[in-house]
Amino acid sequence: MDRQDREAFNSTRFYCQATERPGTLALGDPGSGVVPVFTSLDGLAAYLTARGETEDARWFSTLGADLLTLLPAGYGLLIDPGTGHATVLTPRRQGLSRSALRSWEER
């Protein structure tokens, strides 16, 4: 990510599904797995509804800078899954790199 992308990411508010233990929902295996996150609460609600997980659904929100500290090792981010502007940020040793052409700030 270049500096401008990093600044935009760090200041963006994300909404995440919470797990029973402190942390985020992670899908897949380390190295190729992702944590689904959303740029709106409505987006998270639609995702939970589509998965049939609305009963007692737990969630939290945080800024991008803080979200990076919560990611399990080896996991990337899937931003706004199920939308026309979904973006994948893959894990790397020195942070995240954009692997999709569309970014969340283009919306």
PDB file of N, CA and C in Angstrom:
ATOM      1  N   MET A   1       0.840  -1.173   0.000  1.00  0.00           N
ATOM      2  CA  MET A   1       0.000   0.000   0.000  1.00  0.00           C
ATOM      3  C   MET A   1       0.883   1.234   0.000  1.00  0.00           C
ATOM      4  N   ASP A   2       0.521   2.213  -0.804  1.00  0.00           N
ATOM      5  CA  ASP A   2       1.285   3.451  -0.738  1.00  0.00           C
ATOM      6  C   ASP A   2       0.794   4.291   0.441  1.00  0.00           C
ATOM      7  N   ARG A   3       1.467   5.394   0.672  1.00  0.00           N
ATOM      8  CA  ARG A   3       1.171   6.222   1.857  1.00  0.00           C
ATOM      9  C   ARG A   3      -0.274   6.714   1.873  1.00  0.00           C
ATOM     10  N   GLN A   4      -0.772   7.181   0.736  1.00  0.00           N
ATOM     11  CA  GLN A   4      -2.144   7.692   0.667  1.00  0.00           C
ATOM     12  C   GLN A   4      -3.161   6.585   0.974  1.00  0.00           C
ATOM     13  N   ASP A   5      -2.944   5.399   0.411  1.00  0.00           N
ATOM     14  CA  ASP A   5      -3.834   4.266   0.698  1.00  0.00           C
ATOM     15  C   ASP A   5      -3.782   3.896   2.175  1.00  0.00           C
ATOM     16  N   ARG A   6      -2.573   3.883   2.750  1.00  0.00           N
ATOM     17  CA  ARG A   6      -2.406   3.527   4.158  1.00  0.00           C
ATOM     18  C   ARG A   6      -3.150   4.526   5.050  1.00  0.00           C
ATOM     19  N   GLU A   7      -3.040   5.820   4.753  1.00  0.00           N
ATOM     20  CA  GLU A   7      -3.735   6.841   5.543  1.00  0.00           C
ATOM     21  C   GLU A   7      -5.249   6.692   5.432  1.00  0.00           C
ATOM     22  N   ALA A   8      -5.744   6.425   4.221  1.00  0.00           N
ATOM     23  CA  ALA A   8      -7.188   6.220   4.033  1.00  0.00           C
ATOM     24  C   ALA A   8      -7.649   4.988   4.807  1.00  0.00           C
ATOM     25  N   PHE A   9      -6.882   3.905   4.701  1.00  0.00           N
ATOM     26  CA  PHE A   9      -7.231   2.679   5.414  1.00  0.00           C
ATOM     27  C   PHE A   9      -7.249   2.909   6.919  1.00  0.00           C
ATOM     28  N   ASN A  10      -6.211   3.516   7.443  1.00  0.00           N
ATOM     29  CA  ASN A  10      -6.086   3.715   8.892  1.00  0.00           C
ATOM     30  C   ASN A  10      -7.226   4.521   9.479  1.00  0.00           C
ATOM     31  N   SER A  11      -7.787   5.451   8.717  1.00  0.00           N
ATOM     32  CA  SER A  11      -8.851   6.316   9.240  1.00  0.00           C
ATOM     33  C   SER A  11     -10.257   5.834   8.896  1.00  0.00           C
ATOM     34  N   THR A  12     -10.376   4.730   8.164  1.00  0.00           N
ATOM     35  CA  THR A  12     -11.688   4.180   7.815  1.00  0.00           C
ATOM     36  C   THR A  12     -12.235   3.361   8.978  1.00  0.00           C
ATOM     37  N   ARG A  13     -13.523   3.535   9.270  1.00  0.00           N
ATOM     38  CA  ARG A  13     -14.189   2.727  10.303  1.00  0.00           C
ATOM     39  C   ARG A  13     -14.676   1.440   9.649  1.00  0.00           C
ATOM     40  N   PHE A  14     -14.356   0.305  10.283  1.00  0.00           N
ATOM     41  CA  PHE A  14     -14.774  -1.012   9.809  1.00  0.00           C
ATOM     42  C   PHE A  14     -15.668  -1.672  10.849  1.00  0.00           C
ATOM     43  N   TYR A  15     -16.603  -2.486  10.366  1.00  0.00           N
ATOM     44  CA  TYR A  15     -17.531  -3.239  11.211  1.00  0.00           C
ATOM     45  C   TYR A  15     -17.222  -4.715  11.021  1.00  0.00           C
ATOM     46  N   CYS A  16     -17.116  -5.443  12.132  1.00  0.00           N
ATOM     47  CA  CYS A  16     -16.662  -6.831  12.104  1.00  0.00           C
ATOM     48  C   CYS A  16     -17.573  -7.709  12.951  1.00  0.00           C
ATOM     49  N   GLN A  17     -17.709  -8.957  12.536  1.00  0.00           N
ATOM     50  CA  GLN A  17     -18.421  -9.933  13.350  1.00  0.00           C
ATOM     51  C   GLN A  17     -17.513 -10.340  14.504  1.00  0.00           C
ATOM     52  N   ALA A  18     -18.042 -10.293  15.704  1.00  0.00           N
ATOM     53  CA  ALA A  18     -17.270 -10.685  16.886  1.00  0.00           C
ATOM     54  C   ALA A  18     -17.412 -12.185  17.118  1.00  0.00           C
ATOM     55  N   THR A  19     -16.423 -12.762  17.751  1.00  0.00           N
ATOM     56  CA  THR A  19     -16.450 -14.181  18.091  1.00  0.00           C
ATOM     57  C   THR A  19     -16.669 -14.332  19.594  1.00  0.00           C
ATOM     58  N   GLU A  20     -16.846 -15.559  20.028  1.00  0.00           N
ATOM     59  CA  GLU A  20     -17.044 -15.825  21.456  1.00  0.00           C
ATOM     60  C   GLU A  20     -15.855 -15.336  22.278  1.00  0.00           C
ATOM     61  N   ARG A  21     -14.661 -15.631  21.788  1.00  0.00           N
ATOM     62  CA  ARG A  21     -13.445 -15.132  22.438  1.00  0.00           C
ATOM     63  C   ARG A  21     -13.117 -13.785  21.818  1.00  0.00           C
ATOM     64  N   PRO A  22     -12.384 -12.949  22.509  1.00  0.00           N
ATOM     65  CA  PRO A  22     -11.994 -11.674  21.902  1.00  0.00           C
ATOM     66  C   PRO A  22     -11.263 -11.905  20.580  1.00  0.00           C
ATOM     67  N   GLY A  23     -11.645 -11.168  19.574  1.00  0.00           N
ATOM     68  CA  GLY A  23     -11.012 -11.297  18.267  1.00  0.00           C
ATOM     69  C   GLY A  23     -12.026 -11.201  17.154  1.00  0.00           C
ATOM     70  N   THR A  24     -11.579 -11.517  15.962  1.00  0.00           N
ATOM     71  CA  THR A  24     -12.409 -11.409  14.771  1.00  0.00           C
ATOM     72  C   THR A  24     -12.687 -12.779  14.184  1.00  0.00           C
ATOM     73  N   LEU A  25     -13.754 -12.865  13.394  1.00  0.00           N
ATOM     74  CA  LEU A  25     -14.070 -14.082  12.664  1.00  0.00           C
ATOM     75  C   LEU A  25     -13.050 -14.241  11.541  1.00  0.00           C
ATOM     76  N   ALA A  26     -12.359 -15.359  11.485  1.00  0.00           N
ATOM     77  CA  ALA A  26     -11.380 -15.629  10.434  1.00  0.00           C
ATOM     78  C   ALA A  26     -11.845 -16.835   9.631  1.00  0.00           C
ATOM     79  N   LEU A  27     -11.807 -16.716   8.310  1.00  0.00           N
ATOM     80  CA  LEU A  27     -12.224 -17.789   7.413  1.00  0.00           C
ATOM     81  C   LEU A  27     -11.007 -18.345   6.684  1.00  0.00           C
ATOM     82  N   GLY A  28     -10.909 -19.663   6.588  1.00  0.00           N
ATOM     83  CA  GLY A  28      -9.801 -20.280   5.878  1.00  0.00           C
ATOM     84  C   GLY A  28      -8.603 -20.528   6.774  1.00  0.00           C
ATOM     85  N   ASP A  29      -7.516 -20.887   6.120  1.00  0.00           N
ATOM     86  CA  ASP A  29      -6.283 -21.245   6.821  1.00  0.00           C
ATOM     87  C   ASP A  29      -5.277 -20.097   6.798  1.00  0.00           C
ATOM     88  N   PRO A  30      -4.391 -20.045   7.802  1.00  0.00           N
ATOM     89  CA  PRO A  30      -3.342 -19.019   7.786  1.00  0.00           C
ATOM     90  C   PRO A  30      -2.558 -19.075   6.473  1.00  0.00           C
ATOM     91  N   GLY A  31      -2.225 -17.921   5.962  1.00  0.00           N
ATOM     92  CA  GLY A  31      -1.506 -17.838   4.693  1.00  0.00           C
ATOM     93  C   GLY A  31      -2.416 -17.539   3.524  1.00  0.00           C
ATOM     94  N   SER A  32      -3.659 -18.038   3.600  1.00  0.00           N
ATOM     95  CA  SER A  32      -4.614 -17.779   2.520  1.00  0.00           C
ATOM     96  C   SER A  32      -5.980 -17.367   3.049  1.00  0.00           C
ATOM     97  N   GLY A  33      -6.157 -17.352   4.353  1.00  0.00           N
ATOM     98  CA  GLY A  33      -7.444 -17.004   4.942  1.00  0.00           C
ATOM     99  C   GLY A  33      -7.674 -15.503   4.993  1.00  0.00           C
ATOM    100  N   VAL A  34      -8.934 -15.142   5.251  1.00  0.00           N
ATOM    101  CA  VAL A  34      -9.317 -13.734   5.335  1.00  0.00           C
ATOM    102  C   VAL A  34     -10.228 -13.498   6.525  1.00  0.00           C
ATOM    103  N   VAL A  35     -10.289 -12.250   6.926  1.00  0.00           N
ATOM    104  CA  VAL A  35     -11.236 -11.787   7.930  1.00  0.00           C
ATOM    105  C   VAL A  35     -12.212 -10.870   7.199  1.00  0.00           C
ATOM    106  N   PRO A  36     -13.511 -11.237   7.143  1.00  0.00           N
ATOM    107  CA  PRO A  36     -14.475 -10.361   6.472  1.00  0.00           C
ATOM    108  C   PRO A  36     -14.772  -9.131   7.328  1.00  0.00           C
ATOM    109  N   VAL A  37     -14.678  -7.948   6.716  1.00  0.00           N
ATOM    110  CA  VAL A  37     -14.964  -6.686   7.400  1.00  0.00           C
ATOM    111  C   VAL A  37     -15.802  -5.815   6.475  1.00  0.00           C
ATOM    112  N   PHE A  38     -16.486  -4.850   7.053  1.00  0.00           N
ATOM    113  CA  PHE A  38     -17.445  -4.047   6.297  1.00  0.00           C
ATOM    114  C   PHE A  38     -17.263  -2.572   6.591  1.00  0.00           C
ATOM    115  N   THR A  39     -17.552  -1.739   5.588  1.00  0.00           N
ATOM    116  CA  THR A  39     -17.448  -0.296   5.755  1.00  0.00           C
ATOM    117  C   THR A  39     -18.762   0.319   6.206  1.00  0.00           C
ATOM    118  N   SER A  40     -19.785  -0.515   6.406  1.00  0.00           N
ATOM    119  CA  SER A  40     -21.053  -0.019   6.954  1.00  0.00           C
ATOM    120  C   SER A  40     -21.687  -1.101   7.821  1.00  0.00           C
ATOM    121  N   LEU A  41     -22.459  -0.667   8.786  1.00  0.00           N
ATOM    122  CA  LEU A  41     -23.181  -1.612   9.633  1.00  0.00           C
ATOM    123  C   LEU A  41     -24.248  -2.337   8.821  1.00  0.00           C
ATOM    124  N   ASP A  42     -24.856  -1.643   7.858  1.00  0.00           N
ATOM    125  CA  ASP A  42     -25.839  -2.290   6.983  1.00  0.00           C
ATOM    126  C   ASP A  42     -25.205  -3.424   6.189  1.00  0.00           C
ATOM    127  N   GLY A  43     -23.978  -3.232   5.730  1.00  0.00           N
ATOM    128  CA  GLY A  43     -23.273  -4.282   4.998  1.00  0.00           C
ATOM    129  C   GLY A  43     -23.028  -5.503   5.862  1.00  0.00           C
ATOM    130  N   LEU A  44     -22.626  -5.287   7.100  1.00  0.00           N
ATOM    131  CA  LEU A  44     -22.427  -6.402   8.027  1.00  0.00           C
ATOM    132  C   LEU A  44     -23.748  -7.109   8.295  1.00  0.00           C
ATOM    133  N   ALA A  45     -24.820  -6.343   8.487  1.00  0.00           N
ATOM    134  CA  ALA A  45     -26.137  -6.938   8.748  1.00  0.00           C
ATOM    135  C   ALA A  45     -26.591  -7.791   7.567  1.00  0.00           C
ATOM    136  N   ALA A  46     -26.386  -7.325   6.343  1.00  0.00           N
ATOM    137  CA  ALA A  46     -26.767  -8.095   5.156  1.00  0.00           C
ATOM    138  C   ALA A  46     -25.962  -9.389   5.073  1.00  0.00           C
ATOM    139  N   TYR A  47     -24.681  -9.328   5.390  1.00  0.00           N
ATOM    140  CA  TYR A  47     -23.812 -10.504   5.382  1.00  0.00           C
ATOM    141  C   TYR A  47     -24.285 -11.532   6.408  1.00  0.00           C
ATOM    142  N   LEU A  48     -24.580 -11.071   7.622  1.00  0.00           N
ATOM    143  CA  LEU A  48     -25.045 -11.976   8.675  1.00  0.00           C
ATOM    144  C   LEU A  48     -26.391 -12.588   8.312  1.00  0.00           C
ATOM    145  N   THR A  49     -27.271 -11.790   7.707  1.00  0.00           N
ATOM    146  CA  THR A  49     -28.578 -12.298   7.283  1.00  0.00           C
ATOM    147  C   THR A  49     -28.405 -13.375   6.223  1.00  0.00           C
ATOM    148  N   ALA A  50     -27.543 -13.137   5.242  1.00  0.00           N
ATOM    149  CA  ALA A  50     -27.302 -14.114   4.176  1.00  0.00           C
ATOM    150  C   ALA A  50     -26.731 -15.417   4.729  1.00  0.00           C
ATOM    151  N   ARG A  51     -25.978 -15.344   5.796  1.00  0.00           N
ATOM    152  CA  ARG A  51     -25.398 -16.542   6.423  1.00  0.00           C
ATOM    153  C   ARG A  51     -26.323 -17.167   7.462  1.00  0.00           C
ATOM    154  N   GLY A  52     -27.482 -16.534   7.711  1.00  0.00           N
ATOM    155  CA  GLY A  52     -28.416 -17.049   8.711  1.00  0.00           C
ATOM    156  C   GLY A  52     -27.913 -16.895  10.130  1.00  0.00           C
ATOM    157  N   GLU A  53     -27.124 -15.871  10.378  1.00  0.00           N
ATOM    158  CA  GLU A  53     -26.493 -15.688  11.686  1.00  0.00           C
ATOM    159  C   GLU A  53     -26.971 -14.421  12.392  1.00  0.00           C
ATOM    160  N   THR A  54     -28.242 -14.093  12.258  1.00  0.00           N
ATOM    161  CA  THR A  54     -28.734 -12.852  12.865  1.00  0.00           C
ATOM    162  C   THR A  54     -29.098 -13.018  14.335  1.00  0.00           C
ATOM    163  N   GLU A  55     -29.449 -14.211  14.746  1.00  0.00           N
ATOM    164  CA  GLU A  55     -29.825 -14.464  16.143  1.00  0.00           C
ATOM    165  C   GLU A  55     -28.626 -14.230  17.056  1.00  0.00           C
ATOM    166  N   ASP A  56     -28.751 -13.303  17.972  1.00  0.00           N
ATOM    167  CA  ASP A  56     -27.689 -12.993  18.939  1.00  0.00           C
ATOM    168  C   ASP A  56     -26.351 -12.658  18.278  1.00  0.00           C
ATOM    169  N   ALA A  57     -26.414 -12.049  17.101  1.00  0.00           N
ATOM    170  CA  ALA A  57     -25.177 -11.687  16.398  1.00  0.00           C
ATOM    171  C   ALA A  57     -24.408 -10.646  17.206  1.00  0.00           C
ATOM    172  N   ARG A  58     -23.115 -10.853  17.289  1.00  0.00           N
ATOM    173  CA  ARG A  58     -22.242  -9.923  18.008  1.00  0.00           C
ATOM    174  C   ARG A  58     -21.328  -9.254  16.992  1.00  0.00           C
ATOM    175  N   TRP A  59     -21.080  -7.973  17.193  1.00  0.00           N
ATOM    176  CA  TRP A  59     -20.226  -7.242  16.279  1.00  0.00           C
ATOM    177  C   TRP A  59     -19.496  -6.139  17.033  1.00  0.00           C
ATOM    178  N   PHE A  60     -18.506  -5.578  16.379  1.00  0.00           N
ATOM    179  CA  PHE A  60     -17.799  -4.424  16.929  1.00  0.00           C
ATOM    180  C   PHE A  60     -17.326  -3.572  15.757  1.00  0.00           C
ATOM    181  N   SER A  61     -16.952  -2.347  16.040  1.00  0.00           N
ATOM    182  CA  SER A  61     -16.371  -1.493  15.008  1.00  0.00           C
ATOM    183  C   SER A  61     -15.047  -0.938  15.513  1.00  0.00           C
ATOM    184  N   THR A  62     -14.176  -0.653  14.570  1.00  0.00           N
ATOM    185  CA  THR A  62     -12.856  -0.125  14.901  1.00  0.00           C
ATOM    186  C   THR A  62     -12.278   0.568  13.679  1.00  0.00           C
ATOM    187  N   LEU A  63     -11.299   1.391  13.890  1.00  0.00           N
ATOM    188  CA  LEU A  63     -10.605   2.029  12.776  1.00  0.00           C
ATOM    189  C   LEU A  63      -9.604   1.053  12.164  1.00  0.00           C
ATOM    190  N   GLY A  64      -9.286   1.273  10.902  1.00  0.00           N
ATOM    191  CA  GLY A  64      -8.372   0.388  10.188  1.00  0.00           C
ATOM    192  C   GLY A  64      -7.045   0.183  10.891  1.00  0.00           C
ATOM    193  N   ALA A  65      -6.491   1.251  11.452  1.00  0.00           N
ATOM    194  CA  ALA A  65      -5.201   1.131  12.147  1.00  0.00           C
ATOM    195  C   ALA A  65      -5.293   0.133  13.294  1.00  0.00           C
ATOM    196  N   ASP A  66      -6.387   0.164  14.028  1.00  0.00           N
ATOM    197  CA  ASP A  66      -6.567  -0.772  15.143  1.00  0.00           C
ATOM    198  C   ASP A  66      -6.925  -2.169  14.647  1.00  0.00           C
ATOM    199  N   LEU A  67      -7.646  -2.241  13.537  1.00  0.00           N
ATOM    200  CA  LEU A  67      -8.036  -3.536  12.981  1.00  0.00           C
ATOM    201  C   LEU A  67      -6.806  -4.383  12.671  1.00  0.00           C
ATOM    202  N   LEU A  68      -5.768  -3.764  12.170  1.00  0.00           N
ATOM    203  CA  LEU A  68      -4.550  -4.511  11.836  1.00  0.00           C
ATOM    204  C   LEU A  68      -3.956  -5.207  13.051  1.00  0.00           C
ATOM    205  N   THR A  69      -4.119  -4.626  14.230  1.00  0.00           N
ATOM    206  CA  THR A  69      -3.574  -5.249  15.439  1.00  0.00           C
ATOM    207  C   THR A  69      -4.411  -6.443  15.886  1.00  0.00           C
ATOM    208  N   LEU A  70      -5.637  -6.555  15.372  1.00  0.00           N
ATOM    209  CA  LEU A  70      -6.535  -7.643  15.762  1.00  0.00           C
ATOM    210  C   LEU A  70      -6.486  -8.831  14.809  1.00  0.00           C
ATOM    211  N   LEU A  71      -5.857  -8.660  13.656  1.00  0.00           N
ATOM    212  CA  LEU A  71      -5.824  -9.736  12.664  1.00  0.00           C
ATOM    213  C   LEU A  71      -4.995 -10.911  13.156  1.00  0.00           C
ATOM    214  N   PRO A  72      -5.528 -12.128  13.003  1.00  0.00           N
ATOM    215  CA  PRO A  72      -4.699 -13.301  13.307  1.00  0.00           C
ATOM    216  C   PRO A  72      -3.521 -13.355  12.327  1.00  0.00           C
ATOM    217  N   ALA A  73      -2.403 -13.874  12.767  1.00  0.00           N
ATOM    218  CA  ALA A  73      -1.215 -13.981  11.913  1.00  0.00           C
ATOM    219  C   ALA A  73      -1.539 -14.772  10.652  1.00  0.00           C
ATOM    220  N   GLY A  74      -1.107 -14.265   9.512  1.00  0.00           N
ATOM    221  CA  GLY A  74      -1.282 -14.969   8.253  1.00  0.00           C
ATOM    222  C   GLY A  74      -2.628 -14.774   7.584  1.00  0.00           C
ATOM    223  N   TYR A  75      -3.452 -13.871   8.086  1.00  0.00           N
ATOM    224  CA  TYR A  75      -4.770 -13.623   7.499  1.00  0.00           C
ATOM    225  C   TYR A  75      -4.816 -12.244   6.867  1.00  0.00           C
ATOM    226  N   GLY A  76      -5.520 -12.159   5.740  1.00  0.00           N
ATOM    227  CA  GLY A  76      -5.758 -10.888   5.078  1.00  0.00           C
ATOM    228  C   GLY A  76      -7.149 -10.384   5.411  1.00  0.00           C
ATOM    229  N   LEU A  77      -7.552  -9.333   4.712  1.00  0.00           N
ATOM    230  CA  LEU A  77      -8.879  -8.755   4.908  1.00  0.00           C
ATOM    231  C   LEU A  77      -9.706  -8.911   3.646  1.00  0.00           C
ATOM    232  N   LEU A  78     -10.972  -9.218   3.812  1.00  0.00           N
ATOM    233  CA  LEU A  78     -11.946  -9.201   2.727  1.00  0.00           C
ATOM    234  C   LEU A  78     -12.910  -8.075   3.073  1.00  0.00           C
ATOM    235  N   ILE A  79     -12.775  -6.948   2.381  1.00  0.00           N
ATOM    236  CA  ILE A  79     -13.561  -5.757   2.688  1.00  0.00           C
ATOM    237  C   ILE A  79     -14.839  -5.763   1.860  1.00  0.00           C
ATOM    238  N   ASP A  80     -15.978  -5.651   2.534  1.00  0.00           N
ATOM    239  CA  ASP A  80     -17.306  -5.601   1.916  1.00  0.00           C
ATOM    240  C   ASP A  80     -17.604  -6.792   1.006  1.00  0.00           C
ATOM    241  N   PRO A  81     -17.459  -8.032   1.519  1.00  0.00           N
ATOM    242  CA  PRO A  81     -17.778  -9.203   0.697  1.00  0.00           C
ATOM    243  C   PRO A  81     -19.241  -9.187   0.267  1.00  0.00           C
ATOM    244  N   GLY A  82     -19.492  -9.738  -0.909  1.00  0.00           N
ATOM    245  CA  GLY A  82     -20.856  -9.827  -1.421  1.00  0.00           C
ATOM    246  C   GLY A  82     -21.349  -8.549  -2.069  1.00  0.00           C
ATOM    247  N   THR A  83     -20.469  -7.577  -2.251  1.00  0.00           N
ATOM    248  CA  THR A  83     -20.848  -6.323  -2.901  1.00  0.00           C
ATOM    249  C   THR A  83     -20.073  -6.178  -4.206  1.00  0.00           C
ATOM    250  N   GLY A  84     -20.459  -5.219  -5.004  1.00  0.00           N
ATOM    251  CA  GLY A  84     -19.763  -4.959  -6.256  1.00  0.00           C
ATOM    252  C   GLY A  84     -18.424  -4.279  -6.073  1.00  0.00           C
ATOM    253  N   HIS A  85     -18.099  -3.893  -4.849  1.00  0.00           N
ATOM    254  CA  HIS A  85     -16.824  -3.217  -4.592  1.00  0.00           C
ATOM    255  C   HIS A  85     -15.970  -3.954  -3.563  1.00  0.00           C
ATOM    256  N   ALA A  86     -16.168  -5.260  -3.466  1.00  0.00           N
ATOM    257  CA  ALA A  86     -15.377  -6.050  -2.516  1.00  0.00           C
ATOM    258  C   ALA A  86     -13.889  -5.930  -2.848  1.00  0.00           C
ATOM    259  N   THR A  87     -13.066  -5.880  -1.809  1.00  0.00           N
ATOM    260  CA  THR A  87     -11.621  -5.722  -1.961  1.00  0.00           C
ATOM    261  C   THR A  87     -10.914  -6.719  -1.055  1.00  0.00           C
ATOM    262  N   VAL A  88      -9.892  -7.365  -1.584  1.00  0.00           N
ATOM    263  CA  VAL A  88      -9.083  -8.286  -0.788  1.00  0.00           C
ATOM    264  C   VAL A  88      -7.726  -7.642  -0.540  1.00  0.00           C
ATOM    265  N   LEU A  89      -7.319  -7.616   0.716  1.00  0.00           N
ATOM    266  CA  LEU A  89      -5.967  -7.198   1.084  1.00  0.00           C
ATOM    267  C   LEU A  89      -5.282  -8.427   1.655  1.00  0.00           C
ATOM    268  N   THR A  90      -4.236  -8.875   0.987  1.00  0.00           N
ATOM    269  CA  THR A  90      -3.578 -10.119   1.376  1.00  0.00           C
ATOM    270  C   THR A  90      -2.493  -9.865   2.413  1.00  0.00           C
ATOM    271  N   PRO A  91      -2.203 -10.873   3.252  1.00  0.00           N
ATOM    272  CA  PRO A  91      -1.162 -10.685   4.270  1.00  0.00           C
ATOM    273  C   PRO A  91       0.231 -10.705   3.641  1.00  0.00           C
ATOM    274  N   ARG A  92       1.107  -9.928   4.213  1.00  0.00           N
ATOM    275  CA  ARG A  92       2.528  -9.936   3.865  1.00  0.00           C
ATOM    276  C   ARG A  92       3.306  -9.703   5.142  1.00  0.00           C
ATOM    277  N   ARG A  93       4.552 -10.000   5.123  1.00  0.00           N
ATOM    278  CA  ARG A  93       5.354  -9.809   6.335  1.00  0.00           C
ATOM    279  C   ARG A  93       5.350  -8.360   6.808  1.00  0.00           C
ATOM    280  N   GLN A  94       5.342  -7.417   5.897  1.00  0.00           N
ATOM    281  CA  GLN A  94       5.410  -6.013   6.296  1.00  0.00           C
ATOM    282  C   GLN A  94       4.054  -5.331   6.198  1.00  0.00           C
ATOM    283  N   GLY A  95       2.998  -6.035   6.391  1.00  0.00           N
ATOM    284  CA  GLY A  95       1.672  -5.420   6.363  1.00  0.00           C
ATOM    285  C   GLY A  95       0.799  -6.042   5.306  1.00  0.00           C
ATOM    286  N   LEU A  96      -0.103  -5.248   4.771  1.00  0.00           N
ATOM    287  CA  LEU A  96      -1.057  -5.727   3.782  1.00  0.00           C
ATOM    288  C   LEU A  96      -0.759  -5.092   2.432  1.00  0.00           C
ATOM    289  N   SER A  97      -0.995  -5.843   1.363  1.00  0.00           N
ATOM    290  CA  SER A  97      -0.851  -5.284   0.021  1.00  0.00           C
ATOM    291  C   SER A  97      -2.184  -5.399  -0.706  1.00  0.00           C
ATOM    292  N   ARG A  98      -2.509  -4.412  -1.488  1.00  0.00           N
ATOM    293  CA  ARG A  98      -3.773  -4.434  -2.217  1.00  0.00           C
ATOM    294  C   ARG A  98      -3.672  -5.468  -3.332  1.00  0.00           C
ATOM    295  N   SER A  99      -4.653  -6.354  -3.439  1.00  0.00           N
ATOM    296  CA  SER A  99      -4.639  -7.341  -4.512  1.00  0.00           C
ATOM    297  C   SER A  99      -5.884  -7.227  -5.367  1.00  0.00           C
ATOM    298  N   ALA A 100      -6.614  -6.144  -5.237  1.00  0.00           N
ATOM    299  CA  ALA A 100      -7.793  -5.909  -6.069  1.00  0.00           C
ATOM    300  C   ALA A 100      -7.685  -4.512  -6.664  1.00  0.00           C
ATOM    301  N   LEU A 101      -8.280  -4.314  -7.798  1.00  0.00           N
ATOM    302  CA  LEU A 101      -8.185  -3.014  -8.453  1.00  0.00           C
ATOM    303  C   LEU A 101      -9.063  -1.973  -7.793  1.00  0.00           C
ATOM    304  N   ARG A 102     -10.202  -2.370  -7.305  1.00  0.00           N
ATOM    305  CA  ARG A 102     -11.100  -1.417  -6.660  1.00  0.00           C
ATOM    306  C   ARG A 102     -10.711  -1.276  -5.200  1.00  0.00           C
ATOM    307  N   SER A 103     -10.833  -0.085  -4.679  1.00  0.00           N
ATOM    308  CA  SER A 103     -10.556   0.119  -3.262  1.00  0.00           C
ATOM    309  C   SER A 103     -11.765   0.727  -2.594  1.00  0.00           C
ATOM    310  N   TRP A 104     -11.807   0.612  -1.288  1.00  0.00           N
ATOM    311  CA  TRP A 104     -12.958   1.075  -0.537  1.00  0.00           C
ATOM    312  C   TRP A 104     -13.171   2.575  -0.679  1.00  0.00           C
ATOM    313  N   GLU A 105     -12.129   3.381  -0.931  1.00  0.00           N
ATOM    314  CA  GLU A 105     -12.329   4.821  -1.007  1.00  0.00           C
ATOM    315  C   GLU A 105     -12.925   5.269  -2.335  1.00  0.00           C
ATOM    316  N   GLU A 106     -13.045   4.371  -3.323  1.00  0.00           N
ATOM    317  CA  GLU A 106     -13.628   4.721  -4.614  1.00  0.00           C
ATOM    318  C   GLU A 106     -15.146   4.769  -4.569  1.00  0.00           C
ATOM    319  N   ARG A 107     -15.760   4.286  -3.505  1.00  0.00           N
ATOM    320  CA  ARG A 107     -17.219   4.219  -3.434  1.00  0.00           C
ATOM    321  C   ARG A 107     -17.842   5.575  -3.309  1.00  0.00           C
TER     322      ARG A 107
END
